[in-house]
Amino acid sequence: MDHIFAKLYQTNVSEHVERKGAFAYLSWPFAVAQLRLADPTATWEVKRFDGLPFLRSEAGYFVEVGVTVAAVTLSQIHPVLDSKNRPIAEPNAFDINTSIQRCLVKAIALHGLGLYIYAGEDLPEGEKPESKPQPRGNVTPLAAGRASVAQLRYIGQLIEQTGADQQKLLAYFNVSKLEELTSQAASRVIKTLEKNKRVAA
């Protein structure tokens, strides 16, 4: 189980994060694919409440999904929310289904995949020198020095989308090219550019 958690936790999911306004969501097909690759026996279950896939309460509607990995089941409860993360008073079938998908992704995150997203991080801890997790079994830790290829590719996309001045960015971090950025510096760049992108939108 430790081996599977470490493998999932060290997976960089940044390129599969979908953003709606200020909120980030991990693509559920990607999450399911990574889960099954890590553990082909993994299963998940949508909890039923009196036969229905949702719970209606005075506080609103909720769904629950349990994910089992290596015989360990972890479940997540998720409220039925709209695109602005506000409770939906009378959700329809699509709203319920969307919340179940989000709940599934969060339940998978309890097993490691994309967990850092919900901690407000842009990159896995394994890519940060100050908090690099120790490898377990035959898990290879992510590089902790220079920015990863995925980081650099994403930064390039954000620069193009936001029209940011790359030369000013390089000068600020005292480097001559993006490839010289550390993973920590790249994380700061990504946070700044994503914030600029949201403001521009």
C-alpha atoms as a PDB file:
ATOM      1  CA  MET A   1       0.000   0.000   0.000  1.00  0.00           C
ATOM      2  CA  ASP A   2       2.850   2.410   0.834  1.00  0.00           C
ATOM      3  CA  HIS A   3       4.351   1.670  -2.570  1.00  0.00           C
ATOM      4  CA  ILE A   4       1.116   2.501  -4.395  1.00  0.00           C
ATOM      5  CA  PHE A   5       0.534   5.686  -2.377  1.00  0.00           C
ATOM      6  CA  ALA A   6       4.092   6.867  -3.087  1.00  0.00           C
ATOM      7  CA  LYS A   7       3.690   6.148  -6.808  1.00  0.00           C
ATOM      8  CA  LEU A   8       0.397   8.017  -7.038  1.00  0.00           C
ATOM      9  CA  TYR A   9       1.542  10.880  -4.819  1.00  0.00           C
ATOM     10  CA  GLN A  10       4.649  11.535  -6.913  1.00  0.00           C
ATOM     11  CA  THR A  11       2.682  11.665 -10.172  1.00  0.00           C
ATOM     12  CA  ASN A  12       2.720  15.182 -11.633  1.00  0.00           C
ATOM     13  CA  VAL A  13      -0.875  15.879 -12.649  1.00  0.00           C
ATOM     14  CA  SER A  14      -0.481  19.584 -13.480  1.00  0.00           C
ATOM     15  CA  GLU A  15      -1.221  19.152 -17.191  1.00  0.00           C
ATOM     16  CA  HIS A  16      -4.490  17.368 -16.414  1.00  0.00           C
ATOM     17  CA  VAL A  17      -5.916  20.008 -14.089  1.00  0.00           C
ATOM     18  CA  GLU A  18      -8.985  21.777 -15.435  1.00  0.00           C
ATOM     19  CA  ARG A  19      -9.733  25.265 -14.150  1.00  0.00           C
ATOM     20  CA  LYS A  20     -13.121  26.897 -13.844  1.00  0.00           C
ATOM     21  CA  GLY A  21     -12.724  30.388 -12.481  1.00  0.00           C
ATOM     22  CA  ALA A  22     -10.645  30.240  -9.313  1.00  0.00           C
ATOM     23  CA  PHE A  23     -11.197  26.503  -8.832  1.00  0.00           C
ATOM     24  CA  ALA A  24      -9.050  23.607 -10.014  1.00  0.00           C
ATOM     25  CA  TYR A  25     -10.313  20.137 -10.879  1.00  0.00           C
ATOM     26  CA  LEU A  26      -8.375  17.036 -11.844  1.00  0.00           C
ATOM     27  CA  SER A  27      -9.749  15.292 -14.927  1.00  0.00           C
ATOM     28  CA  TRP A  28     -11.642  12.222 -13.699  1.00  0.00           C
ATOM     29  CA  PRO A  29     -10.771   9.982 -16.713  1.00  0.00           C
ATOM     30  CA  PHE A  30      -7.076  10.718 -16.081  1.00  0.00           C
ATOM     31  CA  ALA A  31      -7.459  10.031 -12.357  1.00  0.00           C
ATOM     32  CA  VAL A  32      -9.186   6.700 -12.993  1.00  0.00           C
ATOM     33  CA  ALA A  33      -6.560   5.689 -15.580  1.00  0.00           C
ATOM     34  CA  GLN A  34      -3.676   6.458 -13.204  1.00  0.00           C
ATOM     35  CA  LEU A  35      -5.413   4.599 -10.390  1.00  0.00           C
ATOM     36  CA  ARG A  36      -5.876   1.457 -12.495  1.00  0.00           C
ATOM     37  CA  LEU A  37      -2.300   1.631 -13.770  1.00  0.00           C
ATOM     38  CA  ALA A  38      -1.040   1.773 -10.187  1.00  0.00           C
ATOM     39  CA  ASP A  39      -3.391  -0.965  -8.980  1.00  0.00           C
ATOM     40  CA  PRO A  40      -5.357  -2.947 -11.608  1.00  0.00           C
ATOM     41  CA  THR A  41      -7.493  -4.418  -8.802  1.00  0.00           C
ATOM     42  CA  ALA A  42      -8.629  -0.994  -7.549  1.00  0.00           C
ATOM     43  CA  THR A  43     -12.391  -0.510  -7.336  1.00  0.00           C
ATOM     44  CA  TRP A  44     -14.793   2.272  -6.400  1.00  0.00           C
ATOM     45  CA  GLU A  45     -18.394   2.445  -5.253  1.00  0.00           C
ATOM     46  CA  VAL A  46     -20.999   5.190  -5.250  1.00  0.00           C
ATOM     47  CA  LYS A  47     -22.755   4.990  -1.894  1.00  0.00           C
ATOM     48  CA  ARG A  48     -26.539   4.666  -1.869  1.00  0.00           C
ATOM     49  CA  PHE A  49     -28.981   6.346   0.452  1.00  0.00           C
ATOM     50  CA  ASP A  50     -32.342   4.567   0.448  1.00  0.00           C
ATOM     51  CA  GLY A  51     -31.459   3.335  -3.023  1.00  0.00           C
ATOM     52  CA  LEU A  52     -30.501   6.777  -4.341  1.00  0.00           C
ATOM     53  CA  PRO A  53     -26.934   7.902  -5.268  1.00  0.00           C
ATOM     54  CA  PHE A  54     -27.285  11.071  -3.169  1.00  0.00           C
ATOM     55  CA  LEU A  55     -28.278  12.190   0.310  1.00  0.00           C
ATOM     56  CA  ARG A  56     -30.779  15.012   0.809  1.00  0.00           C
ATOM     57  CA  SER A  57     -30.446  16.897   4.078  1.00  0.00           C
ATOM     58  CA  GLU A  58     -31.306  20.243   5.620  1.00  0.00           C
ATOM     59  CA  ALA A  59     -27.764  21.368   4.764  1.00  0.00           C
ATOM     60  CA  GLY A  60     -28.126  20.414   1.088  1.00  0.00           C
ATOM     61  CA  TYR A  61     -27.439  17.471  -1.196  1.00  0.00           C
ATOM     62  CA  PHE A  62     -24.386  15.211  -0.784  1.00  0.00           C
ATOM     63  CA  VAL A  63     -22.790  12.277  -2.584  1.00  0.00           C
ATOM     64  CA  GLU A  64     -20.256   9.759  -1.302  1.00  0.00           C
ATOM     65  CA  VAL A  65     -17.750   7.602  -3.156  1.00  0.00           C
ATOM     66  CA  GLY A  66     -15.460   4.960  -1.688  1.00  0.00           C
ATOM     67  CA  VAL A  67     -12.267   3.878  -3.470  1.00  0.00           C
ATOM     68  CA  THR A  68     -10.511   0.628  -2.582  1.00  0.00           C
ATOM     69  CA  VAL A  69      -6.792   0.251  -3.265  1.00  0.00           C
ATOM     70  CA  ALA A  70      -4.800  -2.754  -2.053  1.00  0.00           C
ATOM     71  CA  ALA A  71      -7.761  -3.796   0.142  1.00  0.00           C
ATOM     72  CA  VAL A  72      -7.875  -0.363   1.837  1.00  0.00           C
ATOM     73  CA  THR A  73     -11.107   1.593   1.325  1.00  0.00           C
ATOM     74  CA  LEU A  74     -11.166   5.355   1.760  1.00  0.00           C
ATOM     75  CA  SER A  75     -14.309   7.379   1.121  1.00  0.00           C
ATOM     76  CA  GLN A  76     -15.037  10.999   0.392  1.00  0.00           C
ATOM     77  CA  ILE A  77     -18.263  12.937   0.907  1.00  0.00           C
ATOM     78  CA  HIS A  78     -18.892  15.809  -1.478  1.00  0.00           C
ATOM     79  CA  PRO A  79     -21.694  18.409  -1.539  1.00  0.00           C
ATOM     80  CA  VAL A  80     -23.556  18.989  -4.783  1.00  0.00           C
ATOM     81  CA  LEU A  81     -22.244  22.357  -5.956  1.00  0.00           C
ATOM     82  CA  ASP A  82     -22.565  24.641  -8.968  1.00  0.00           C
ATOM     83  CA  SER A  83     -19.674  25.975 -11.095  1.00  0.00           C
ATOM     84  CA  LYS A  84     -18.951  28.608  -8.429  1.00  0.00           C
ATOM     85  CA  ASN A  85     -18.801  26.015  -5.652  1.00  0.00           C
ATOM     86  CA  ARG A  86     -22.142  27.054  -4.191  1.00  0.00           C
ATOM     87  CA  PRO A  87     -24.701  24.474  -2.977  1.00  0.00           C
ATOM     88  CA  ILE A  88     -27.454  23.704  -5.484  1.00  0.00           C
ATOM     89  CA  ALA A  89     -30.884  23.871  -3.860  1.00  0.00           C
ATOM     90  CA  GLU A  90     -32.568  21.507  -6.343  1.00  0.00           C
ATOM     91  CA  PRO A  91     -29.931  19.635  -8.377  1.00  0.00           C
ATOM     92  CA  ASN A  92     -30.794  17.741 -11.542  1.00  0.00           C
ATOM     93  CA  ALA A  93     -29.337  14.423 -12.722  1.00  0.00           C
ATOM     94  CA  PHE A  94     -26.393  16.162 -14.416  1.00  0.00           C
ATOM     95  CA  ASP A  95     -25.529  18.062 -11.221  1.00  0.00           C
ATOM     96  CA  ILE A  96     -25.565  14.819  -9.221  1.00  0.00           C
ATOM     97  CA  ASN A  97     -23.413  13.034 -11.793  1.00  0.00           C
ATOM     98  CA  THR A  98     -20.891  15.889 -11.888  1.00  0.00           C
ATOM     99  CA  SER A  99     -20.569  15.843  -8.101  1.00  0.00           C
ATOM    100  CA  ILE A 100     -20.080  12.073  -8.122  1.00  0.00           C
ATOM    101  CA  GLN A 101     -17.208  12.482 -10.603  1.00  0.00           C
ATOM    102  CA  ARG A 102     -15.587  15.181  -8.447  1.00  0.00           C
ATOM    103  CA  CYS A 103     -16.113  13.055  -5.361  1.00  0.00           C
ATOM    104  CA  LEU A 104     -14.483  10.068  -7.098  1.00  0.00           C
ATOM    105  CA  VAL A 105     -11.401  12.149  -7.930  1.00  0.00           C
ATOM    106  CA  LYS A 106     -11.134  13.355  -4.339  1.00  0.00           C
ATOM    107  CA  ALA A 107     -11.491   9.814  -3.022  1.00  0.00           C
ATOM    108  CA  ILE A 108      -8.670   8.747  -5.365  1.00  0.00           C
ATOM    109  CA  ALA A 109      -6.637  11.693  -4.027  1.00  0.00           C
ATOM    110  CA  LEU A 110      -6.869  10.166  -0.552  1.00  0.00           C
ATOM    111  CA  HIS A 111      -4.755   7.366  -2.007  1.00  0.00           C
ATOM    112  CA  GLY A 112      -2.174   9.905  -3.206  1.00  0.00           C
ATOM    113  CA  LEU A 113      -3.001  11.025  -6.752  1.00  0.00           C
ATOM    114  CA  GLY A 114      -3.209  14.816  -7.006  1.00  0.00           C
ATOM    115  CA  LEU A 115      -3.397  15.180  -3.230  1.00  0.00           C
ATOM    116  CA  TYR A 116      -1.184  18.284  -3.424  1.00  0.00           C
ATOM    117  CA  ILE A 117      -3.872  20.080  -5.456  1.00  0.00           C
ATOM    118  CA  TYR A 118      -6.129  20.138  -2.438  1.00  0.00           C
ATOM    119  CA  ALA A 119      -3.302  21.469  -0.273  1.00  0.00           C
ATOM    120  CA  GLY A 120      -3.062  24.539  -2.536  1.00  0.00           C
ATOM    121  CA  GLU A 121       0.182  23.444  -4.179  1.00  0.00           C
ATOM    122  CA  ASP A 122       1.030  23.652  -7.897  1.00  0.00           C
ATOM    123  CA  LEU A 123       3.501  20.788  -7.893  1.00  0.00           C
ATOM    124  CA  PRO A 124       4.073  17.559  -5.959  1.00  0.00           C
ATOM    125  CA  GLU A 125       6.213  17.822  -2.844  1.00  0.00           C
ATOM    126  CA  GLY A 126       8.615  15.369  -4.486  1.00  0.00           C
ATOM    127  CA  GLU A 127       9.668  18.135  -6.871  1.00  0.00           C
ATOM    128  CA  LYS A 128      10.523  20.548  -4.054  1.00  0.00           C
ATOM    129  CA  PRO A 129      13.975  20.280  -2.491  1.00  0.00           C
ATOM    130  CA  GLU A 130      12.803  21.290   0.984  1.00  0.00           C
ATOM    131  CA  SER A 131      10.094  18.648   1.243  1.00  0.00           C
ATOM    132  CA  LYS A 132      11.179  15.782  -0.977  1.00  0.00           C
ATOM    133  CA  PRO A 133       9.581  12.510   0.201  1.00  0.00           C
ATOM    134  CA  GLN A 134      11.794   9.481   0.756  1.00  0.00           C
ATOM    135  CA  PRO A 135      11.440   6.801  -1.930  1.00  0.00           C
ATOM    136  CA  ARG A 136       9.781   3.527  -0.962  1.00  0.00           C
ATOM    137  CA  GLY A 137      10.389   0.209  -2.674  1.00  0.00           C
ATOM    138  CA  ASN A 138      11.352   0.745  -6.299  1.00  0.00           C
ATOM    139  CA  VAL A 139       9.644   4.134  -6.557  1.00  0.00           C
ATOM    140  CA  THR A 140      11.927   6.689  -8.172  1.00  0.00           C
ATOM    141  CA  PRO A 141      11.578  10.134  -6.580  1.00  0.00           C
ATOM    142  CA  LEU A 142      11.009  13.083  -8.867  1.00  0.00           C
ATOM    143  CA  ALA A 143      13.907  15.384  -9.590  1.00  0.00           C
ATOM    144  CA  ALA A 144      14.284  18.040  -6.931  1.00  0.00           C
ATOM    145  CA  GLY A 145      16.764  20.388  -8.601  1.00  0.00           C
ATOM    146  CA  ARG A 146      15.925  21.985 -11.906  1.00  0.00           C
ATOM    147  CA  ALA A 147      12.396  22.580 -13.128  1.00  0.00           C
ATOM    148  CA  SER A 148      10.836  19.530 -14.739  1.00  0.00           C
ATOM    149  CA  VAL A 149       9.964  19.275 -18.425  1.00  0.00           C
ATOM    150  CA  ALA A 150       6.264  19.390 -17.501  1.00  0.00           C
ATOM    151  CA  GLN A 151       6.770  22.583 -15.498  1.00  0.00           C
ATOM    152  CA  LEU A 152       8.674  24.285 -18.310  1.00  0.00           C
ATOM    153  CA  ARG A 153       6.105  23.252 -20.901  1.00  0.00           C
ATOM    154  CA  TYR A 154       3.270  24.578 -18.734  1.00  0.00           C
ATOM    155  CA  ILE A 155       5.116  27.844 -18.077  1.00  0.00           C
ATOM    156  CA  GLY A 156       5.590  28.273 -21.822  1.00  0.00           C
ATOM    157  CA  GLN A 157       1.863  27.793 -22.363  1.00  0.00           C
ATOM    158  CA  LEU A 158       1.003  30.294 -19.624  1.00  0.00           C
ATOM    159  CA  ILE A 159       3.433  32.894 -21.022  1.00  0.00           C
ATOM    160  CA  GLU A 160       1.782  32.554 -24.427  1.00  0.00           C
ATOM    161  CA  GLN A 161      -1.743  32.729 -22.963  1.00  0.00           C
ATOM    162  CA  THR A 162      -1.077  35.710 -20.691  1.00  0.00           C
ATOM    163  CA  GLY A 163       1.344  37.651 -22.909  1.00  0.00           C
ATOM    164  CA  ALA A 164       3.820  37.832 -20.012  1.00  0.00           C
ATOM    165  CA  ASP A 165       7.256  39.372 -20.630  1.00  0.00           C
ATOM    166  CA  GLN A 166       9.605  36.396 -20.514  1.00  0.00           C
ATOM    167  CA  GLN A 167      12.743  38.557 -20.310  1.00  0.00           C
ATOM    168  CA  LYS A 168      11.454  40.361 -17.217  1.00  0.00           C
ATOM    169  CA  LEU A 169      10.548  37.030 -15.688  1.00  0.00           C
ATOM    170  CA  LEU A 170      14.054  35.668 -16.332  1.00  0.00           C
ATOM    171  CA  ALA A 171      15.654  38.817 -14.942  1.00  0.00           C
ATOM    172  CA  TYR A 172      13.547  38.620 -11.786  1.00  0.00           C
ATOM    173  CA  PHE A 173      14.828  35.110 -11.063  1.00  0.00           C
ATOM    174  CA  ASN A 174      18.349  35.997 -12.237  1.00  0.00           C
ATOM    175  CA  VAL A 175      18.518  33.303 -14.923  1.00  0.00           C
ATOM    176  CA  SER A 176      19.244  33.532 -18.638  1.00  0.00           C
ATOM    177  CA  LYS A 177      16.708  30.911 -19.745  1.00  0.00           C
ATOM    178  CA  LEU A 178      13.717  29.069 -18.345  1.00  0.00           C
ATOM    179  CA  GLU A 179      15.649  25.792 -18.152  1.00  0.00           C
ATOM    180  CA  GLU A 180      17.806  27.310 -15.400  1.00  0.00           C
ATOM    181  CA  LEU A 181      14.840  27.752 -13.061  1.00  0.00           C
ATOM    182  CA  THR A 182      14.707  25.533  -9.985  1.00  0.00           C
ATOM    183  CA  SER A 183      11.521  23.523  -9.413  1.00  0.00           C
ATOM    184  CA  GLN A 184      10.656  25.827  -6.513  1.00  0.00           C
ATOM    185  CA  ALA A 185      11.114  28.952  -8.654  1.00  0.00           C
ATOM    186  CA  ALA A 186       9.098  27.352 -11.445  1.00  0.00           C
ATOM    187  CA  SER A 187       6.287  26.702  -8.983  1.00  0.00           C
ATOM    188  CA  ARG A 188       6.271  30.410  -8.045  1.00  0.00           C
ATOM    189  CA  VAL A 189       6.214  31.380 -11.729  1.00  0.00           C
ATOM    190  CA  ILE A 190       3.262  29.075 -12.375  1.00  0.00           C
ATOM    191  CA  LYS A 191       1.302  30.480  -9.434  1.00  0.00           C
ATOM    192  CA  THR A 192       1.914  34.049 -10.599  1.00  0.00           C
ATOM    193  CA  LEU A 193       1.034  33.383 -14.245  1.00  0.00           C
ATOM    194  CA  GLU A 194      -2.092  31.409 -13.333  1.00  0.00           C
ATOM    195  CA  LYS A 195      -3.209  34.295 -11.122  1.00  0.00           C
ATOM    196  CA  ASN A 196      -2.609  36.740 -14.007  1.00  0.00           C
ATOM    197  CA  LYS A 197      -4.553  34.443 -16.311  1.00  0.00           C
ATOM    198  CA  ARG A 198      -7.560  34.373 -13.957  1.00  0.00           C
ATOM    199  CA  VAL A 199      -7.480  38.169 -13.606  1.00  0.00           C
ATOM    200  CA  ALA A 200      -7.340  38.592 -17.378  1.00  0.00           C
ATOM    201  CA  ALA A 201     -10.260  36.237 -17.839  1.00  0.00           C
END
